[in-house]
Amino acid sequence: MPAIVGVVNVNSVGSASVLHIGDVFTISPVSSAKTFAGAGSFNTGDRLQVINQQSATNTNDQDVNDQNIAGNL
């Protein structure tokens, strides 16, 4: 069934988002991210006590491509 779309005002579309107006069979957004975090960075909860005497996060990455998504579009 065809879609009837009226006036659409798009202020912004992010780089990892999908904007579709009208009929569609399937939409599959694809994105990837790399996160570096030190010791105790993602702890959640009440009364946490994190003691890091000497902490260093190694961000040196030897390989060029980690999550190839170019062929998945």
C-alpha atoms as a PDB file:
ATOM      1  CA  MET A   1       0.000   0.000   0.000  1.00  0.00           C
ATOM      2  CA  PRO A   2       1.540   3.328  -0.980  1.00  0.00           C
ATOM      3  CA  ALA A   3       2.286   5.826   1.738  1.00  0.00           C
ATOM      4  CA  ILE A   4       0.926   9.347   1.572  1.00  0.00           C
ATOM      5  CA  VAL A   5       3.350  11.722   3.222  1.00  0.00           C
ATOM      6  CA  GLY A   6       2.647  15.362   3.941  1.00  0.00           C
ATOM      7  CA  VAL A   7       5.127  18.104   4.774  1.00  0.00           C
ATOM      8  CA  VAL A   8       8.344  16.877   6.411  1.00  0.00           C
ATOM      9  CA  ASN A   9      10.850  19.126   8.172  1.00  0.00           C
ATOM     10  CA  VAL A  10      14.184  17.457   8.991  1.00  0.00           C
ATOM     11  CA  ASN A  11      16.469  19.546  11.197  1.00  0.00           C
ATOM     12  CA  SER A  12      19.395  17.125  11.348  1.00  0.00           C
ATOM     13  CA  VAL A  13      20.281  13.499  10.741  1.00  0.00           C
ATOM     14  CA  GLY A  14      23.163  11.926  12.652  1.00  0.00           C
ATOM     15  CA  SER A  15      25.887   9.869  10.997  1.00  0.00           C
ATOM     16  CA  ALA A  16      24.617   6.593  12.524  1.00  0.00           C
ATOM     17  CA  SER A  17      20.921   7.198  11.954  1.00  0.00           C
ATOM     18  CA  VAL A  18      18.322   6.296   9.332  1.00  0.00           C
ATOM     19  CA  LEU A  19      15.783   8.661   7.789  1.00  0.00           C
ATOM     20  CA  HIS A  20      13.121   7.046   5.647  1.00  0.00           C
ATOM     21  CA  ILE A  21       9.938   8.557   4.309  1.00  0.00           C
ATOM     22  CA  GLY A  22       7.429   6.330   2.533  1.00  0.00           C
ATOM     23  CA  ASP A  23       7.218   2.586   1.923  1.00  0.00           C
ATOM     24  CA  VAL A  24      10.055   0.302   2.998  1.00  0.00           C
ATOM     25  CA  PHE A  25      10.680  -3.437   3.137  1.00  0.00           C
ATOM     26  CA  THR A  26      13.528  -3.450   5.628  1.00  0.00           C
ATOM     27  CA  ILE A  27      15.892  -0.969   7.271  1.00  0.00           C
ATOM     28  CA  SER A  28      19.175  -2.215   8.722  1.00  0.00           C
ATOM     29  CA  PRO A  29      21.383   0.537  10.159  1.00  0.00           C
ATOM     30  CA  VAL A  30      25.030  -0.469  10.648  1.00  0.00           C
ATOM     31  CA  SER A  31      27.602   1.233  12.852  1.00  0.00           C
ATOM     32  CA  SER A  32      30.767   0.431  14.737  1.00  0.00           C
ATOM     33  CA  ALA A  33      32.675   2.037  17.588  1.00  0.00           C
ATOM     34  CA  LYS A  34      35.953   1.546  19.413  1.00  0.00           C
ATOM     35  CA  THR A  35      36.192   2.424  23.084  1.00  0.00           C
ATOM     36  CA  PHE A  36      39.305   2.758  25.213  1.00  0.00           C
ATOM     37  CA  ALA A  37      38.823   2.901  28.969  1.00  0.00           C
ATOM     38  CA  GLY A  38      41.076   2.565  31.960  1.00  0.00           C
ATOM     39  CA  ALA A  39      40.733   0.381  35.021  1.00  0.00           C
ATOM     40  CA  GLY A  40      37.418   0.789  36.820  1.00  0.00           C
ATOM     41  CA  SER A  41      35.853   2.914  34.062  1.00  0.00           C
ATOM     42  CA  PHE A  42      32.608   0.999  33.524  1.00  0.00           C
ATOM     43  CA  ASN A  43      31.811   0.104  37.128  1.00  0.00           C
ATOM     44  CA  THR A  44      28.225   0.740  38.215  1.00  0.00           C
ATOM     45  CA  GLY A  45      26.545   0.331  41.558  1.00  0.00           C
ATOM     46  CA  ASP A  46      26.372   1.741  45.062  1.00  0.00           C
ATOM     47  CA  ARG A  47      29.355   2.233  47.386  1.00  0.00           C
ATOM     48  CA  LEU A  48      32.068   1.415  44.861  1.00  0.00           C
ATOM     49  CA  GLN A  49      35.646   1.661  45.948  1.00  0.00           C
ATOM     50  CA  VAL A  50      38.152   1.495  43.104  1.00  0.00           C
ATOM     51  CA  ILE A  51      41.829   1.675  44.020  1.00  0.00           C
ATOM     52  CA  ASN A  52      44.237   1.915  41.104  1.00  0.00           C
ATOM     53  CA  GLN A  53      47.818   2.389  42.132  1.00  0.00           C
ATOM     54  CA  GLN A  54      49.217   2.761  38.627  1.00  0.00           C
ATOM     55  CA  SER A  55      46.838   2.477  35.712  1.00  0.00           C
ATOM     56  CA  ALA A  56      47.577   3.007  32.030  1.00  0.00           C
ATOM     57  CA  THR A  57      45.352   2.298  29.045  1.00  0.00           C
ATOM     58  CA  ASN A  58      47.179   1.109  25.949  1.00  0.00           C
ATOM     59  CA  THR A  59      45.556   2.758  22.921  1.00  0.00           C
ATOM     60  CA  ASN A  60      48.190   1.669  20.407  1.00  0.00           C
ATOM     61  CA  ASP A  61      46.402  -0.437  17.782  1.00  0.00           C
ATOM     62  CA  GLN A  62      48.594  -2.216  15.227  1.00  0.00           C
ATOM     63  CA  ASP A  63      45.904  -3.398  12.815  1.00  0.00           C
ATOM     64  CA  VAL A  64      44.242  -0.873  10.530  1.00  0.00           C
ATOM     65  CA  ASN A  65      40.718  -2.299  10.254  1.00  0.00           C
ATOM     66  CA  ASP A  66      38.874  -3.723  13.244  1.00  0.00           C
ATOM     67  CA  GLN A  67      35.183  -3.846  12.369  1.00  0.00           C
ATOM     68  CA  ASN A  68      34.716  -3.751   8.623  1.00  0.00           C
ATOM     69  CA  ILE A  69      31.161  -2.735   7.828  1.00  0.00           C
ATOM     70  CA  ALA A  70      31.648  -1.521   4.230  1.00  0.00           C
ATOM     71  CA  GLY A  71      30.502  -4.842   2.750  1.00  0.00           C
ATOM     72  CA  ASN A  72      27.481  -5.090   5.070  1.00  0.00           C
ATOM     73  CA  LEU A  73      25.573  -2.167   3.633  1.00  0.00           C
END
